[in-house]
């Protein structure tokens, strides 16, 4: 059953179980999604599809590859860095898998990378889109927990950069043992010439994150306005600068963005209704009391929340996990002194692991389709990246609040 209908069925069951008038709750749910902040969702999603079809993603990848791609581990590092840059524009993991995976997996195989390894790397790297702002997942977190979107964006920058570093180091160690790879030898002048050429071609694409993030934190426009400007900027760049975007591809991008947005908004509608039922029945308060009774130690409670988020991420997508669990678990976190903005980073880093873990593993399955390999072949390298990269980042983020709160405090979003 599609996730959307599962959420609707869950809400219906809850309304019967707690004898709640569903008609009044649906009205409340509608007004909850009638938010100017949520208008950023379809616009950022649209930006991601425009990057994919308008040639923006391809230019970004070539530029990053020119900088770091000549070393033994350069192709893998290029993929990780490209996913980080892509996340700074589109905010979605699925668009990064489709764009970067399609472009890079075949060339990486020719340079000595095994196909399952490349597929696993793009799967985990694409989830940088959940951490590097602007992130669709973090916008949803801000909406359902009533937090500042800009503050939540800042909270995940530190964990996102840390994950990039960990993945690049792991890739460098693994590729050092790969004798099949023969790096391309370029003179220093040719390398700088290549960087300059690809950088000039990628300049219009690189301006997108500068416009989005610079505008938001420079106080020029809101996240929603930034999303609208990103779309207005990406369309002429794809049509007239790179000329990879045509009217048919533009129409397809609108259709895909509308479909994706529709699914997310319906999930949000029912999650708001379910959250209201939980509030009426004091479920968050009872959950808080239960955890505080069972686990007296703050560190143990944080660890249990991490495990719970990972387990839920294994069976649900990131949107569902954030929409349902964030408002449910936030009172627990606040009761033990965890700031809501810090909790946003905890949720983001936990979901990164869950979305790449079977049985559902939506992003990893999508990577397998793009890479044309079986899940059984990808699991071993994927687990190595999660255990050595994503898991340490999650634990560091959870137990070191300054990693996620430093930038929000620096810019005055958190006291």
Protein backbone atom coordinates (compact mmCIF):
# COMPACT_ATOMS: atom_id res chain seq x y z
CA UNK A 1 0.00 0.00 0.00
CA UNK A 2 1.35 3.49 -0.81
CA UNK A 3 2.61 5.46 2.19
CA UNK A 4 -0.02 8.18 1.68
CA UNK A 5 -2.91 5.73 2.09
CA UNK A 6 -1.18 4.13 5.07
CA UNK A 7 -1.13 7.50 6.83
CA UNK A 8 -4.81 8.03 6.03
CA UNK A 9 -5.69 4.59 7.42
CA UNK A 10 -3.63 5.26 10.55
CA UNK A 11 -5.51 8.51 11.18
CA UNK A 12 -8.88 6.80 10.67
CA UNK A 13 -7.98 4.03 13.12
CA UNK A 14 -6.81 6.56 15.71
CA UNK A 15 -10.03 8.57 15.38
CA UNK A 16 -12.10 5.42 16.04
CA UNK A 17 -9.85 4.18 18.84
CA UNK A 18 -9.98 7.48 20.74
CA UNK A 19 -13.54 8.41 19.67
CA UNK A 20 -12.52 11.70 18.06
CA UNK A 21 -14.57 13.71 15.55
CA UNK A 22 -12.50 13.30 12.38
CA UNK A 23 -14.29 16.11 10.48
CA UNK A 24 -13.13 18.83 12.89
CA UNK A 25 -9.61 17.39 12.93
CA UNK A 26 -9.40 17.45 9.14
CA UNK A 27 -10.24 21.16 9.21
CA UNK A 28 -7.43 21.69 11.73
CA UNK A 29 -5.10 19.66 9.54
CA UNK A 30 -5.95 21.77 6.50
CA UNK A 31 -5.15 25.02 8.30
CA UNK A 32 -1.89 23.51 9.53
CA UNK A 33 -0.65 22.89 5.98
CA UNK A 34 -1.95 26.28 4.81
CA UNK A 35 1.49 27.73 5.54
CA UNK A 36 3.68 30.12 3.58
CA UNK A 37 6.74 28.18 4.79
CA UNK A 38 5.47 24.99 3.13
CA UNK A 39 5.30 26.83 -0.18
CA UNK A 40 9.09 26.39 -0.28
CA UNK A 41 8.64 22.61 -0.67
CA UNK A 42 7.34 22.45 -4.26
CA UNK A 43 9.76 25.20 -5.30
CA UNK A 44 12.89 23.46 -3.95
CA UNK A 45 11.66 20.14 -5.36
CA UNK A 46 11.19 21.85 -8.71
CA UNK A 47 14.73 23.25 -8.49
CA UNK A 48 16.07 19.72 -8.03
CA UNK A 49 14.30 18.42 -11.13
CA UNK A 50 15.44 21.45 -13.15
CA UNK A 51 19.06 20.77 -12.13
CA UNK A 52 18.69 17.21 -13.29
CA UNK A 53 17.15 17.99 -16.70
CA UNK A 54 18.81 21.36 -17.36
CA UNK A 55 22.44 20.23 -17.31
CA UNK A 56 23.24 22.07 -14.07
CA UNK A 57 24.12 18.88 -12.18
CA UNK A 58 26.43 17.65 -14.96
CA UNK A 59 28.47 20.89 -14.94
CA UNK A 60 28.80 20.81 -11.17
CA UNK A 61 30.09 17.23 -11.27
CA UNK A 62 32.68 18.02 -13.97
CA UNK A 63 33.96 21.00 -11.99
CA UNK A 64 34.30 19.03 -8.74
CA UNK A 65 35.96 16.16 -10.63
CA UNK A 66 38.49 18.57 -12.16
CA UNK A 67 39.50 19.70 -8.67
CA UNK A 68 39.79 16.36 -6.85
CA UNK A 69 39.39 13.73 -9.55
CA UNK A 70 43.03 13.17 -10.55
CA UNK A 71 44.10 11.33 -7.38
CA UNK A 72 43.69 7.60 -6.78
CA UNK A 73 40.54 8.16 -4.74
CA UNK A 74 39.53 11.25 -6.72
CA UNK A 75 36.46 9.86 -8.50
CA UNK A 76 34.86 8.75 -5.23
CA UNK A 77 35.72 12.05 -3.57
CA UNK A 78 34.20 13.85 -6.57
CA UNK A 79 30.96 11.93 -6.10
CA UNK A 80 30.75 12.79 -2.39
CA UNK A 81 31.55 16.46 -2.98
CA UNK A 82 29.10 16.67 -5.90
CA UNK A 83 26.33 15.27 -3.69
CA UNK A 84 27.14 17.90 -1.08
CA UNK A 85 26.98 20.72 -3.63
CA UNK A 86 23.83 19.24 -5.13
CA UNK A 87 22.27 19.14 -1.66
CA UNK A 88 23.06 22.83 -1.25
CA UNK A 89 20.76 23.55 -4.18
CA UNK A 90 18.01 20.93 -4.43
CA UNK A 91 17.56 19.69 -0.85
CA UNK A 92 16.52 16.19 -1.93
CA UNK A 93 18.31 12.84 -1.88
CA UNK A 94 16.35 11.16 -4.69
CA UNK A 95 17.25 13.87 -7.22
CA UNK A 96 20.93 13.52 -6.29
CA UNK A 97 20.83 9.75 -6.82
CA UNK A 98 19.14 10.11 -10.20
CA UNK A 99 21.43 12.89 -11.44
CA UNK A 100 24.84 12.06 -10.00
CA UNK A 101 24.44 8.28 -10.07
CA UNK A 102 23.47 8.31 -13.74
CA UNK A 103 26.44 10.48 -14.68
CA UNK A 104 29.20 9.00 -12.48
CA UNK A 105 28.70 5.27 -11.86
CA UNK A 106 29.77 4.17 -15.36
CA UNK A 107 32.95 6.34 -15.47
CA UNK A 108 33.88 5.18 -11.96
CA UNK A 109 33.66 1.55 -13.10
CA UNK A 110 36.08 2.34 -15.93
CA UNK A 111 38.50 3.81 -13.37
CA UNK A 112 38.65 0.67 -11.26
CA UNK A 113 35.75 1.20 -8.88
CA UNK A 114 33.47 -1.82 -8.54
CA UNK A 115 29.88 -1.13 -9.51
CA UNK A 116 28.41 -2.20 -6.13
CA UNK A 117 30.91 0.06 -4.34
CA UNK A 118 30.03 3.09 -6.50
CA UNK A 119 26.31 2.39 -6.07
CA UNK A 120 26.63 2.20 -2.28
CA UNK A 121 28.70 5.40 -2.19
CA UNK A 122 26.18 7.41 -4.19
CA UNK A 123 23.39 6.04 -1.99
CA UNK A 124 24.91 7.26 1.27
CA UNK A 125 26.36 10.46 -0.24
CA UNK A 126 23.03 11.51 -1.75
CA UNK A 127 21.60 11.76 1.77
CA UNK A 128 23.80 14.80 2.29
CA UNK A 129 20.80 16.53 0.74
CA UNK A 130 19.01 15.95 4.06
CA UNK A 131 21.75 17.77 5.98
CA UNK A 132 23.23 20.44 3.70
CA UNK A 133 20.73 23.34 3.51
CA UNK A 134 18.28 23.99 1.99
CA UNK A 135 16.85 20.61 3.02
CA UNK A 136 13.26 19.53 2.34
CA UNK A 137 13.42 17.28 5.41
CA UNK A 138 14.54 20.12 7.66
CA UNK A 139 11.81 22.41 6.32
CA UNK A 140 9.29 19.76 7.36
CA UNK A 141 10.92 19.46 10.79
CA UNK A 142 10.71 23.23 11.27
CA UNK A 143 7.03 23.26 10.29
CA UNK A 144 5.87 20.35 12.48
CA UNK A 145 7.89 21.50 15.53
CA UNK A 146 7.28 25.25 15.08
CA UNK A 147 10.98 26.14 14.81
CA UNK A 148 12.83 28.69 12.69
CA UNK A 149 13.66 27.28 9.26
CA UNK A 150 16.90 29.27 9.09
CA UNK A 151 18.02 27.99 12.51
CA UNK A 152 17.28 24.38 11.58
CA UNK A 153 19.19 24.80 8.30
CA UNK A 154 22.24 26.03 10.21
CA UNK A 155 22.06 23.16 12.71
CA UNK A 156 22.75 20.50 10.09
CA UNK A 157 25.65 22.20 8.30
CA UNK A 158 28.24 20.95 10.81
CA UNK A 159 27.08 17.30 10.73
CA UNK A 160 26.82 17.49 6.93
CA UNK A 161 30.41 18.72 6.52
CA UNK A 162 31.60 16.10 9.02
CA UNK A 163 29.87 13.34 7.03
CA UNK A 164 31.54 14.58 3.81
CA UNK A 165 34.96 14.39 5.51
CA UNK A 166 34.31 10.90 6.92
CA UNK A 167 33.10 9.53 3.56
CA UNK A 168 36.08 11.02 1.70
CA UNK A 169 38.54 9.54 4.21
CA UNK A 170 36.88 6.10 4.08
CA UNK A 171 36.93 6.20 0.27
CA UNK A 172 40.61 7.21 0.23
CA UNK A 173 41.55 4.31 2.54
CA UNK A 174 39.54 1.78 0.54
CA UNK A 175 40.80 2.92 -2.86
CA UNK A 176 44.42 2.85 -1.71
CA UNK A 177 44.12 -0.95 -1.80
CA UNK A 178 42.62 -1.05 -5.29
CA UNK A 179 45.37 -1.94 -7.81
CA UNK A 180 42.99 -1.78 -10.78
CA UNK A 181 42.75 2.01 -10.62
CA UNK A 182 45.22 3.99 -12.69
CA UNK A 183 44.85 7.73 -12.08
CA UNK A 184 45.10 10.05 -15.06
CA UNK A 185 48.38 11.92 -15.14
CA UNK A 186 48.08 15.62 -15.90
CA UNK A 187 50.69 18.35 -15.82
CA UNK A 188 50.08 21.12 -13.32
CA UNK A 189 49.31 23.62 -16.07
CA UNK A 190 46.85 21.27 -17.77
CA UNK A 191 45.15 20.60 -14.45
CA UNK A 192 44.70 24.30 -13.69
CA UNK A 193 43.50 24.84 -17.25
CA UNK A 194 40.93 22.05 -16.78
CA UNK A 195 39.77 23.51 -13.45
CA UNK A 196 39.44 26.95 -15.00
CA UNK A 197 37.50 25.65 -18.01
CA UNK A 198 35.05 23.51 -16.01
CA UNK A 199 34.76 26.21 -13.34
CA UNK A 200 33.76 28.81 -15.93
CA UNK A 201 31.12 26.46 -17.34
CA UNK A 202 29.86 25.60 -13.84
CA UNK A 203 29.81 29.24 -12.66
CA UNK A 204 26.07 29.79 -13.36
CA UNK A 205 25.29 26.56 -11.50
CA UNK A 206 27.56 27.45 -8.56
CA UNK A 207 25.73 30.75 -8.15
CA UNK A 208 22.55 28.90 -7.12
CA UNK A 209 23.67 27.95 -3.59
CA UNK A 210 25.26 31.39 -3.20
CA UNK A 211 21.97 33.07 -4.10
CA UNK A 212 19.86 30.73 -1.93
CA UNK A 213 21.95 30.63 1.25
CA UNK A 214 23.44 34.10 0.89
CA UNK A 215 19.99 35.59 0.44
CA UNK A 216 18.49 33.74 3.42
CA UNK A 217 21.24 34.49 5.93
CA UNK A 218 21.93 37.92 4.52
CA UNK A 219 18.37 38.88 5.41
CA UNK A 220 17.47 39.64 1.79
CA UNK A 221 14.63 37.13 1.51
CA UNK A 222 12.89 34.29 3.37
CA UNK A 223 13.46 30.56 2.62
CA UNK A 224 10.22 30.51 0.61
CA UNK A 225 11.29 33.51 -1.46
CA UNK A 226 14.72 31.93 -1.91
CA UNK A 227 13.06 28.79 -3.31
CA UNK A 228 11.05 30.87 -5.79
CA UNK A 229 14.17 32.76 -6.90
CA UNK A 230 16.01 29.44 -7.34
CA UNK A 231 13.33 28.23 -9.78
CA UNK A 232 13.25 31.54 -11.66
CA UNK A 233 17.07 31.39 -11.93
CA UNK A 234 17.33 27.68 -12.87
CA UNK A 235 14.87 27.82 -15.79
CA UNK A 236 16.73 30.39 -17.97
CA UNK A 237 20.09 28.82 -17.04
CA UNK A 238 18.89 25.43 -18.32
CA UNK A 239 17.10 26.87 -21.36
CA UNK A 240 19.47 29.57 -22.60
CA UNK A 241 22.87 29.14 -20.92
CA UNK A 242 23.40 25.35 -20.97
CA UNK A 243 20.62 24.66 -23.52
CA UNK A 244 20.03 21.15 -22.14
CA UNK A 245 16.52 22.06 -20.99
CA UNK A 246 13.69 22.10 -23.53
CA UNK A 247 9.97 22.73 -23.20
CA UNK A 248 9.16 19.02 -22.96
CA UNK A 249 11.70 18.47 -20.16
CA UNK A 250 10.43 21.62 -18.43
CA UNK A 251 6.87 20.29 -18.51
CA UNK A 252 8.05 16.92 -17.18
CA UNK A 253 9.87 18.69 -14.34
CA UNK A 254 6.67 20.52 -13.39
CA UNK A 255 4.72 17.26 -13.44
CA UNK A 256 7.26 15.38 -11.31
CA UNK A 257 7.49 18.26 -8.84
CA UNK A 258 3.70 18.47 -8.55
CA UNK A 259 3.37 14.72 -7.97
CA UNK A 260 6.10 14.64 -5.33
CA UNK A 261 4.70 17.72 -3.59
CA UNK A 262 1.18 16.27 -3.57
CA UNK A 263 2.35 13.13 -1.82
CA UNK A 264 4.33 15.09 0.80
CA UNK A 265 1.45 17.48 1.51
CA UNK A 266 -1.07 14.67 2.01
CA UNK A 267 1.35 12.89 4.35
CA UNK A 268 1.76 16.15 6.27
CA UNK A 269 -2.01 16.65 6.47
CA UNK A 270 -2.59 13.27 8.13
CA UNK A 271 0.50 13.62 10.32
CA UNK A 272 -0.86 16.92 11.69
CA UNK A 273 -4.21 15.23 12.40
CA UNK A 274 -2.48 12.29 14.10
CA UNK A 275 -0.32 14.68 16.14
CA UNK A 276 -3.42 16.53 17.32
CA UNK A 277 -4.99 13.23 18.42
CA UNK A 278 -1.79 12.31 20.26
CA UNK A 279 -1.85 15.70 22.00
CA UNK A 280 -5.51 15.30 23.05
CA UNK A 281 -4.71 11.89 24.53
CA UNK A 282 -1.47 13.08 26.21
CA UNK A 283 0.61 10.49 24.34
CA UNK A 284 3.81 12.67 24.23
CA UNK A 285 3.56 13.36 27.96
CA UNK A 286 3.04 9.68 28.79
CA UNK A 287 5.92 8.68 26.52
CA UNK A 288 8.15 11.22 28.28
CA UNK A 289 7.19 9.90 31.71
CA UNK A 290 7.76 6.29 30.60
CA UNK A 291 11.24 6.96 29.22
CA UNK A 292 12.26 8.97 32.27
CA UNK A 293 11.09 6.16 34.56
CA UNK A 294 12.79 3.37 32.60
CA UNK A 295 16.00 5.23 31.74
CA UNK A 296 17.31 7.52 34.47
CA UNK A 297 20.38 8.47 32.47
CA UNK A 298 20.17 11.26 29.85
CA UNK A 299 22.78 9.56 27.64
CA UNK A 300 20.76 6.33 27.57
CA UNK A 301 17.59 8.21 26.59
CA UNK A 302 19.45 9.88 23.72
CA UNK A 303 20.79 6.50 22.58
CA UNK A 304 17.29 4.97 22.69
CA UNK A 305 15.92 7.86 20.62
CA UNK A 306 18.73 7.35 18.08
CA UNK A 307 17.92 3.65 17.80
CA UNK A 308 14.19 4.34 17.54
CA UNK A 309 14.70 6.89 14.74
CA UNK A 310 16.95 4.48 12.83
CA UNK A 311 14.44 1.63 13.17
CA UNK A 312 11.59 3.83 11.96
CA UNK A 313 13.78 5.06 9.09
CA UNK A 314 14.27 1.42 8.07
CA UNK A 315 10.54 1.00 7.40
CA UNK A 316 9.47 4.57 6.48
CA UNK A 317 10.82 7.33 4.27
CA UNK A 318 12.46 10.45 5.72
CA UNK A 319 9.35 12.61 5.24
CA UNK A 320 7.17 10.18 7.21
CA UNK A 321 9.71 9.79 10.02
CA UNK A 322 10.11 13.55 10.46
CA UNK A 323 6.38 14.32 10.18
CA UNK A 324 5.24 11.73 12.73
CA UNK A 325 8.11 11.27 15.19
CA UNK A 326 9.53 14.79 15.55
CA UNK A 327 6.53 16.32 17.37
CA UNK A 328 6.06 13.09 19.32
CA UNK A 329 9.67 12.88 20.59
CA UNK A 330 10.40 16.60 20.98
CA UNK A 331 8.76 16.84 24.47
CA UNK A 332 10.98 13.96 25.59
CA UNK A 333 14.06 15.78 24.31
CA UNK A 334 13.09 19.08 25.91
CA UNK A 335 12.45 17.35 29.24
CA UNK A 336 16.12 16.24 29.38
CA UNK A 337 17.47 19.60 28.23
CA UNK A 338 17.96 19.02 24.49
CA UNK A 339 17.34 22.14 22.40
CA UNK A 340 14.79 21.68 19.57
CA UNK A 341 17.34 22.97 17.03
CA UNK A 342 19.90 20.41 18.26
CA UNK A 343 17.21 17.72 17.99
CA UNK A 344 16.78 18.65 14.30
CA UNK A 345 20.39 17.62 13.67
CA UNK A 346 19.88 14.40 15.67
CA UNK A 347 16.84 13.52 13.55
CA UNK A 348 18.66 14.32 10.30
CA UNK A 349 21.74 12.21 11.05
CA UNK A 350 19.63 9.29 12.31
CA UNK A 351 17.41 9.32 9.22
CA UNK A 352 20.52 9.19 7.01
CA UNK A 353 21.26 5.73 8.44
CA UNK A 354 17.65 4.53 8.40
CA UNK A 355 17.05 5.48 4.75
CA UNK A 356 19.95 3.26 3.68
CA UNK A 357 19.08 0.29 5.89
CA UNK A 358 16.92 -2.69 4.81
CA UNK A 359 14.17 -3.80 4.67
CA UNK A 360 12.83 -0.65 2.97
CA UNK A 361 16.05 1.37 2.31
CA UNK A 362 14.31 3.59 -0.29
CA UNK A 363 17.41 5.55 -1.29
CA UNK A 364 19.63 2.47 -1.48
CA UNK A 365 17.08 0.63 -3.64
CA UNK A 366 16.91 3.64 -5.95
CA UNK A 367 20.72 3.61 -6.16
CA UNK A 368 20.62 -0.08 -7.10
CA UNK A 369 18.20 0.67 -9.93
CA UNK A 370 20.43 3.47 -11.21
CA UNK A 371 23.59 1.38 -10.83
CA UNK A 372 21.94 -1.76 -12.26
CA UNK A 373 23.18 -4.03 -9.47
CA UNK A 374 21.42 -6.26 -6.96
CA UNK A 375 20.81 -5.23 -3.36
CA UNK A 376 22.77 -8.22 -2.06
CA UNK A 377 25.91 -6.93 -3.81
CA UNK A 378 25.54 -3.40 -2.43
CA UNK A 379 24.82 -4.23 1.22
CA UNK A 380 28.40 -4.93 2.29
CA UNK A 381 29.95 -1.65 1.03
CA UNK A 382 26.85 0.28 2.11
CA UNK A 383 27.09 -1.05 5.68
CA UNK A 384 30.79 -0.18 5.80
CA UNK A 385 30.00 3.44 4.89
CA UNK A 386 27.21 3.58 7.46
CA UNK A 387 29.16 1.94 10.29
CA UNK A 388 32.40 3.87 9.71
CA UNK A 389 30.91 7.15 8.47
CA UNK A 390 27.24 7.86 9.16
CA UNK A 391 27.04 6.17 12.59
CA UNK A 392 30.00 8.07 14.13
CA UNK A 393 28.59 11.34 12.73
CA UNK A 394 25.20 10.59 14.34
CA UNK A 395 26.78 9.84 17.72
CA UNK A 396 29.04 12.92 17.60
CA UNK A 397 26.04 15.09 16.66
CA UNK A 398 23.94 13.60 19.46
CA UNK A 399 26.46 13.89 22.27
CA UNK A 400 28.26 17.08 21.17
CA UNK A 401 25.56 19.79 20.95
CA UNK A 402 28.02 22.52 19.93
CA UNK A 403 28.50 20.87 16.52
CA UNK A 404 24.91 21.71 15.58
CA UNK A 405 24.28 24.76 17.81
CA UNK A 406 27.46 26.75 17.08
CA UNK A 407 26.26 28.39 13.85
CA UNK A 408 22.67 29.10 15.06
CA UNK A 409 24.15 30.77 18.18
CA UNK A 410 26.75 32.65 16.16
CA UNK A 411 24.08 34.20 13.92
CA UNK A 412 21.66 34.88 16.77
CA UNK A 413 18.98 32.24 16.07
CA UNK A 414 19.61 30.41 19.37
CA UNK A 415 20.41 31.98 22.75
